[in-house]
Amino acid sequence: MPAYERMILMAGNANRTLAQHIAQAVRRPLARVVVSRFRDGETQVLIEDDIRDADVFIVQPTAPPVNENLMELLILVDAARRASAGRITAVVPYYGYARQEKKAQGREPITARLVANLLTVAGANRLLVVDLTNPAIEGFFDIPVDHLSAAKLLASQVKNLCRVGEDIVLVAADEGAVRRVDRFRRYFHQEVPLAVIFKDRPRPDEVKVVGLVGDVEGKTAIVVDDIISTGGTLVAAAEVVQHHGATRILAAVTHPVLVEGAVDRLAETPIERILVTDTVELPALPPLFQVVTLAPLLGEVLNRIHYGISVSELMRNNVPL
């Protein structure tokens, strides 16, 4: 028997589409929650359903507008705590401020840690995230963290785009993505080589490629990364692998943040297809993009948390979803 008899799903405004798909996956309705704004811009939350002693899951990625969505999440957690929820799990597929997880220079904040503190103080008992930029962020929390990977789902779709007998190379968009790409490679039946792009950031949101290690000539290059924001990293990666002789270029990226201008910038590259997930609420995208939903995976994990079944075993044993 579960520790909590009732399972309640709630959602803010950040990604209602994903929340509804998760609700369909677990065969439960979304709780009635009104998230609105006062005239001065302050966030107002009203939970209309009884959630006393329930196992509450709040779906609210903190994608742009990050500050607004983060504040909604904190207030939703606080409202659930004050409504006597039994346990509160913050389901944050995209964790905003994850790229501010260390000090790049003196007198900078570590904002990823600050967000962790805020969530804990607000009343979250557990956190569920997908593909953190740096897994060390898990250590910022004093509550359990379930850190999921979208690698299996993205790799499965990438393989469908590859031709039989095609010579493939997986490309890490930067040196920090090597471990992520290695995990991605596990879902290919053949031994696929890796290549790594070395880059520098002279200033925020500006990318300069320093070099490429690995052979991409005459191969289909699959660039793997965690976030597309301005598109600068992916554009630079596509240019360098094309320059070194790649015949086809595909990309697989978990979080399509896609700030203004990014889609147009990427449309001008030699990339044939970009696979992304729905951790972020997406506008209508051109055929260059292919969206892979995480709702079945997240629904399975929510059920496992609720019924006290291991989440680690799901990821470790590659359980079919």
Protein backbone atom coordinates (compact mmCIF):
# COMPACT_ATOMS: atom_id res chain seq x y z
CA MET A 1 0.00 0.00 0.00
CA PRO A 2 1.22 3.54 -0.70
CA ALA A 3 2.24 5.73 2.18
CA TYR A 4 -0.40 8.20 1.01
CA GLU A 5 -3.77 6.94 -0.14
CA ARG A 6 -4.52 9.77 -2.55
CA MET A 7 -2.37 11.03 -5.42
CA ILE A 8 -3.04 14.61 -6.49
CA LEU A 9 -1.59 16.32 -9.58
CA MET A 10 -1.42 20.09 -9.73
CA ALA A 11 0.04 22.43 -12.34
CA GLY A 12 1.01 26.05 -12.71
CA ASN A 13 0.94 27.96 -15.98
CA ALA A 14 4.49 27.15 -17.14
CA ASN A 15 3.65 24.01 -19.15
CA ARG A 16 0.00 23.07 -18.91
CA THR A 17 0.23 20.85 -22.00
CA LEU A 18 2.85 18.58 -20.45
CA ALA A 19 0.94 18.52 -17.15
CA GLN A 20 -2.22 17.38 -18.93
CA HIS A 21 -0.33 14.64 -20.77
CA ILE A 22 1.20 13.43 -17.50
CA ALA A 23 -2.27 13.39 -15.96
CA GLN A 24 -3.46 11.22 -18.86
CA ALA A 25 -0.47 8.90 -18.36
CA VAL A 26 -1.28 8.33 -14.67
CA ARG A 27 -5.04 8.34 -15.34
CA ARG A 28 -5.82 11.05 -12.85
CA PRO A 29 -7.29 14.51 -13.41
CA LEU A 30 -5.41 17.69 -12.66
CA ALA A 31 -6.59 19.28 -9.43
CA ARG A 32 -8.53 22.50 -9.72
CA VAL A 33 -6.01 25.27 -9.11
CA VAL A 34 -6.40 28.91 -10.09
CA VAL A 35 -3.12 30.75 -10.72
CA SER A 36 -3.72 34.40 -11.51
CA ARG A 37 -2.22 37.86 -11.09
CA PHE A 38 -3.24 40.79 -8.98
CA ARG A 39 -3.27 44.15 -10.74
CA ASP A 40 0.17 44.97 -9.40
CA GLY A 41 1.60 41.77 -10.91
CA GLU A 42 1.76 39.67 -7.75
CA THR A 43 0.93 35.97 -8.16
CA GLN A 44 -2.25 34.61 -6.58
CA VAL A 45 -2.88 30.88 -6.09
CA LEU A 46 -6.11 29.24 -4.99
CA ILE A 47 -6.37 25.46 -4.60
CA GLU A 48 -10.04 24.56 -5.02
CA ASP A 49 -9.79 20.82 -4.22
CA ASP A 50 -9.23 19.13 -0.87
CA ILE A 51 -5.60 17.92 -0.70
CA ARG A 52 -5.32 17.21 3.03
CA ASP A 53 -2.90 14.32 3.70
CA ALA A 54 -2.58 13.67 -0.05
CA ASP A 55 0.55 12.86 -2.06
CA VAL A 56 0.77 16.06 -4.12
CA PHE A 57 2.79 16.44 -7.33
CA ILE A 58 3.18 19.99 -8.67
CA VAL A 59 4.19 20.17 -12.35
CA GLN A 60 5.93 23.48 -13.01
CA PRO A 61 9.14 23.79 -15.04
CA THR A 62 10.96 27.06 -14.43
CA ALA A 63 11.52 27.95 -18.06
CA PRO A 64 11.32 31.53 -19.40
CA PRO A 65 9.92 33.74 -18.05
CA VAL A 66 12.07 32.09 -15.37
CA ASN A 67 11.42 34.45 -12.47
CA GLU A 68 7.65 34.41 -13.01
CA ASN A 69 7.47 30.63 -13.29
CA LEU A 70 9.78 30.11 -10.34
CA MET A 71 7.65 32.38 -8.17
CA GLU A 72 4.53 30.47 -9.24
CA LEU A 73 6.20 27.22 -8.23
CA LEU A 74 7.23 28.52 -4.80
CA ILE A 75 3.74 29.87 -4.11
CA LEU A 76 2.10 26.64 -5.29
CA VAL A 77 4.33 24.64 -2.94
CA ASP A 78 3.59 27.00 -0.06
CA ALA A 79 -0.15 26.86 -0.77
CA ALA A 80 -0.08 23.04 -0.81
CA ARG A 81 1.85 22.95 2.48
CA ARG A 82 -0.63 25.32 4.15
CA ALA A 83 -3.50 23.19 2.78
CA SER A 84 -2.07 20.25 4.81
CA ALA A 85 -0.74 18.18 1.92
CA GLY A 86 0.83 14.95 3.19
CA ARG A 87 3.84 15.13 0.88
CA ILE A 88 4.79 17.61 -1.84
CA THR A 89 6.89 16.68 -4.86
CA ALA A 90 7.99 19.52 -7.12
CA VAL A 91 8.05 18.18 -10.69
CA VAL A 92 10.42 20.59 -12.43
CA PRO A 93 11.41 19.04 -15.78
CA TYR A 94 13.43 22.13 -16.65
CA TYR A 95 15.33 23.61 -13.70
CA GLY A 96 15.94 27.31 -14.30
CA TYR A 97 19.20 28.88 -13.08
CA ALA A 98 20.94 25.48 -13.47
CA ARG A 99 23.75 27.13 -15.44
CA GLN A 100 24.55 29.34 -12.46
CA GLU A 101 25.78 26.42 -10.35
CA LYS A 102 29.26 27.79 -9.60
CA LYS A 103 31.16 31.06 -9.42
CA ALA A 104 32.84 31.83 -12.73
CA GLN A 105 34.52 34.86 -11.16
CA GLY A 106 34.62 36.67 -7.85
CA ARG A 107 31.52 38.22 -6.25
CA GLU A 108 29.05 36.12 -8.26
CA PRO A 109 26.09 34.28 -6.72
CA ILE A 110 25.49 30.54 -6.93
CA THR A 111 21.87 30.94 -7.93
CA ALA A 112 21.16 27.25 -8.50
CA ARG A 113 21.84 26.71 -4.78
CA LEU A 114 19.63 29.67 -3.86
CA VAL A 115 16.73 28.15 -5.82
CA ALA A 116 17.28 24.85 -4.03
CA ASN A 117 17.06 26.63 -0.68
CA LEU A 118 13.90 28.47 -1.71
CA LEU A 119 12.13 25.27 -2.78
CA THR A 120 13.01 23.54 0.47
CA VAL A 121 11.94 26.46 2.65
CA ALA A 122 8.67 26.77 0.68
CA GLY A 123 7.82 23.21 1.71
CA ALA A 124 8.84 20.80 -1.06
CA ASN A 125 9.58 17.31 0.29
CA ARG A 126 10.98 15.92 -2.95
CA LEU A 127 12.20 17.16 -6.34
CA LEU A 128 11.92 15.59 -9.78
CA VAL A 129 14.10 17.05 -12.55
CA VAL A 130 15.33 16.08 -16.03
CA ASP A 131 18.88 16.41 -17.38
CA LEU A 132 20.45 18.99 -15.11
CA THR A 133 23.34 20.86 -16.72
CA ASN A 134 25.51 19.72 -13.82
CA PRO A 135 24.42 16.66 -11.78
CA ALA A 136 26.24 18.16 -8.79
CA ILE A 137 23.21 20.43 -8.34
CA GLU A 138 21.50 17.44 -6.69
CA GLY A 139 23.86 18.03 -3.77
CA PHE A 140 22.41 21.49 -3.20
CA PHE A 141 19.25 19.85 -1.83
CA ASP A 142 18.64 18.34 1.60
CA ILE A 143 15.55 16.57 0.25
CA PRO A 144 15.41 13.54 -2.10
CA VAL A 145 16.05 14.37 -5.76
CA ASP A 146 15.04 12.13 -8.67
CA HIS A 147 17.25 13.14 -11.59
CA LEU A 148 15.94 11.63 -14.82
CA SER A 149 17.55 11.39 -18.23
CA ALA A 150 15.84 11.86 -21.58
CA ALA A 151 18.67 9.98 -23.32
CA LYS A 152 16.77 6.75 -23.96
CA LEU A 153 13.77 8.43 -25.57
CA LEU A 154 15.86 10.81 -27.68
CA ALA A 155 18.28 8.06 -28.77
CA SER A 156 15.38 5.86 -29.83
CA GLN A 157 14.05 8.57 -32.13
CA VAL A 158 17.49 9.45 -33.47
CA LYS A 159 18.05 5.82 -34.49
CA ASN A 160 14.82 5.99 -36.51
CA LEU A 161 16.32 8.85 -38.53
CA CYS A 162 19.51 6.95 -39.33
CA ARG A 163 19.83 4.76 -42.39
CA VAL A 164 20.83 1.09 -42.28
CA GLY A 165 24.61 0.77 -42.26
CA GLU A 166 25.13 4.49 -41.85
CA ASP A 167 28.46 5.55 -40.31
CA ILE A 168 27.56 7.48 -37.15
CA VAL A 169 29.54 9.62 -34.72
CA LEU A 170 28.11 11.18 -31.56
CA VAL A 171 29.33 14.70 -30.92
CA ALA A 172 29.50 16.36 -27.51
CA ALA A 173 28.64 20.04 -28.00
CA ASP A 174 31.31 20.89 -25.40
CA GLU A 175 33.63 19.10 -22.99
CA GLY A 176 30.99 19.30 -20.23
CA ALA A 177 28.62 17.17 -22.32
CA VAL A 178 30.91 14.14 -22.68
CA ARG A 179 29.29 12.14 -19.88
CA ARG A 180 25.84 12.96 -21.27
CA VAL A 181 26.86 11.76 -24.74
CA ASP A 182 28.37 8.58 -23.31
CA ARG A 183 25.04 7.82 -21.61
CA PHE A 184 23.30 8.54 -24.92
CA ARG A 185 25.60 6.03 -26.67
CA ARG A 186 24.43 3.18 -24.41
CA TYR A 187 21.13 3.07 -26.29
CA PHE A 188 22.80 2.30 -29.64
CA HIS A 189 23.30 -1.40 -30.40
CA GLN A 190 26.59 -0.74 -32.16
CA GLU A 191 29.77 0.77 -30.77
CA VAL A 192 29.47 4.39 -31.86
CA PRO A 193 32.55 6.65 -31.69
CA LEU A 194 32.55 10.00 -29.92
CA ALA A 195 33.85 13.42 -30.91
CA VAL A 196 34.16 16.44 -28.63
CA ILE A 197 33.95 20.13 -29.48
CA PHE A 198 36.01 22.46 -27.32
CA LYS A 199 34.58 25.94 -26.99
CA ASP A 200 35.07 29.16 -25.11
CA ARG A 201 32.56 31.78 -23.94
CA PRO A 202 34.18 35.23 -24.14
CA ARG A 203 30.96 36.63 -22.68
CA PRO A 204 27.48 35.27 -21.76
CA ASP A 205 25.49 33.88 -24.73
CA GLU A 206 28.53 34.12 -27.02
CA VAL A 207 30.30 30.95 -28.24
CA LYS A 208 33.73 30.57 -29.84
CA VAL A 209 34.85 27.10 -31.00
CA VAL A 210 38.44 26.31 -30.08
CA GLY A 211 38.74 22.88 -31.68
CA LEU A 212 37.37 19.40 -32.38
CA VAL A 213 38.73 16.08 -31.12
CA GLY A 214 37.54 13.02 -33.03
CA ASP A 215 36.84 11.96 -36.62
CA VAL A 216 33.61 13.11 -38.27
CA GLU A 217 34.69 13.02 -41.92
CA GLY A 218 32.24 11.16 -44.14
CA LYS A 219 29.96 10.37 -41.19
CA THR A 220 26.56 11.34 -39.87
CA ALA A 221 27.26 13.60 -36.90
CA ILE A 222 24.68 13.56 -34.09
CA VAL A 223 25.23 16.55 -31.81
CA VAL A 224 24.01 15.95 -28.25
CA ASP A 225 23.43 18.70 -25.68
CA ASP A 226 21.13 19.56 -22.77
CA ILE A 227 19.82 23.05 -23.63
CA ILE A 228 19.15 25.15 -26.71
CA SER A 229 18.87 28.76 -25.58
CA THR A 230 20.21 31.24 -28.15
CA GLY A 231 21.23 28.38 -30.42
CA GLY A 232 24.82 29.64 -30.47
CA THR A 233 26.38 26.40 -29.26
CA LEU A 234 24.44 24.24 -31.74
CA VAL A 235 25.15 26.60 -34.64
CA ALA A 236 28.87 26.56 -33.84
CA ALA A 237 28.84 22.76 -33.50
CA ALA A 238 27.12 22.31 -36.86
CA GLU A 239 29.60 24.61 -38.57
CA VAL A 240 32.66 22.86 -37.15
CA VAL A 241 31.53 19.29 -37.95
CA GLN A 242 30.53 20.35 -41.46
CA HIS A 243 33.94 21.99 -41.88
CA HIS A 244 35.57 18.70 -40.83
CA GLY A 245 33.63 16.71 -43.42
CA ALA A 246 30.42 15.41 -41.81
CA THR A 247 27.93 14.36 -44.50
CA ARG A 248 24.75 14.64 -42.37
CA ILE A 249 24.09 16.53 -39.16
CA LEU A 250 21.38 15.68 -36.64
CA ALA A 251 20.93 17.04 -33.11
CA ALA A 252 19.32 15.77 -29.91
CA VAL A 253 18.73 18.29 -27.13
CA THR A 254 16.60 17.88 -24.01
CA HIS A 255 15.48 21.43 -23.19
CA PRO A 256 14.32 23.68 -26.08
CA VAL A 257 14.37 27.04 -24.28
CA LEU A 258 14.69 28.77 -27.69
CA VAL A 259 14.92 32.47 -26.86
CA GLU A 260 13.89 35.02 -29.49
CA GLY A 261 15.78 34.55 -32.74
CA ALA A 262 17.06 31.05 -31.95
CA VAL A 263 14.69 29.19 -34.31
CA ASP A 264 15.59 31.43 -37.27
CA ARG A 265 19.28 31.12 -36.45
CA LEU A 266 19.09 27.32 -36.39
CA ALA A 267 17.06 27.19 -39.62
CA GLU A 268 20.08 28.63 -41.46
CA THR A 269 22.42 25.82 -40.35
CA PRO A 270 23.13 22.54 -42.19
CA ILE A 271 21.35 20.59 -39.43
CA GLU A 272 18.81 18.22 -40.98
CA ARG A 273 16.68 17.58 -37.86
CA ILE A 274 16.73 18.69 -34.21
CA LEU A 275 15.05 16.40 -31.71
CA VAL A 276 13.85 18.06 -28.50
CA THR A 277 11.59 17.12 -25.60
CA ASP A 278 8.56 18.92 -24.16
CA THR A 279 10.11 19.96 -20.82
CA VAL A 280 9.40 23.52 -21.97
CA GLU A 281 6.07 24.79 -23.31
CA LEU A 282 6.65 25.03 -27.05
CA PRO A 283 5.20 27.30 -29.72
CA ALA A 284 4.52 25.99 -33.21
CA LEU A 285 7.90 24.89 -34.55
CA PRO A 286 9.07 24.41 -38.15
CA PRO A 287 9.68 20.88 -39.55
CA LEU A 288 13.37 21.20 -38.59
CA PHE A 289 12.29 20.28 -35.04
CA GLN A 290 10.84 16.98 -33.85
CA VAL A 291 9.32 16.89 -30.36
CA VAL A 292 9.64 13.78 -28.19
CA THR A 293 7.24 13.78 -25.25
CA LEU A 294 8.44 12.87 -21.76
CA ALA A 295 4.91 12.44 -20.39
CA PRO A 296 4.99 8.59 -20.30
CA LEU A 297 8.36 8.60 -18.52
CA LEU A 298 7.29 11.25 -16.00
CA GLY A 299 3.97 9.50 -15.43
CA GLU A 300 5.75 6.21 -14.70
CA VAL A 301 8.10 7.92 -12.26
CA LEU A 302 5.24 9.68 -10.46
CA ASN A 303 3.48 6.35 -10.02
CA ARG A 304 6.67 4.77 -8.69
CA ILE A 305 7.20 7.56 -6.18
CA HIS A 306 3.59 7.36 -5.03
CA TYR A 307 3.56 3.58 -4.64
CA GLY A 308 7.04 3.37 -3.13
CA ILE A 309 8.69 1.59 -6.09
CA SER A 310 12.34 2.23 -6.95
CA VAL A 311 12.96 4.99 -9.50
CA SER A 312 16.66 4.10 -9.75
CA GLU A 313 15.79 0.61 -10.97
CA LEU A 314 13.68 2.11 -13.74
CA MET A 315 16.64 4.05 -15.09
CA ARG A 316 19.26 1.39 -14.37
CA ASN A 317 17.45 -1.55 -15.90
CA ASN A 318 16.16 0.34 -18.92
CA VAL A 319 12.56 -0.70 -18.19
CA PRO A 320 10.40 -0.24 -21.32
CA LEU A 321 7.96 2.64 -21.02
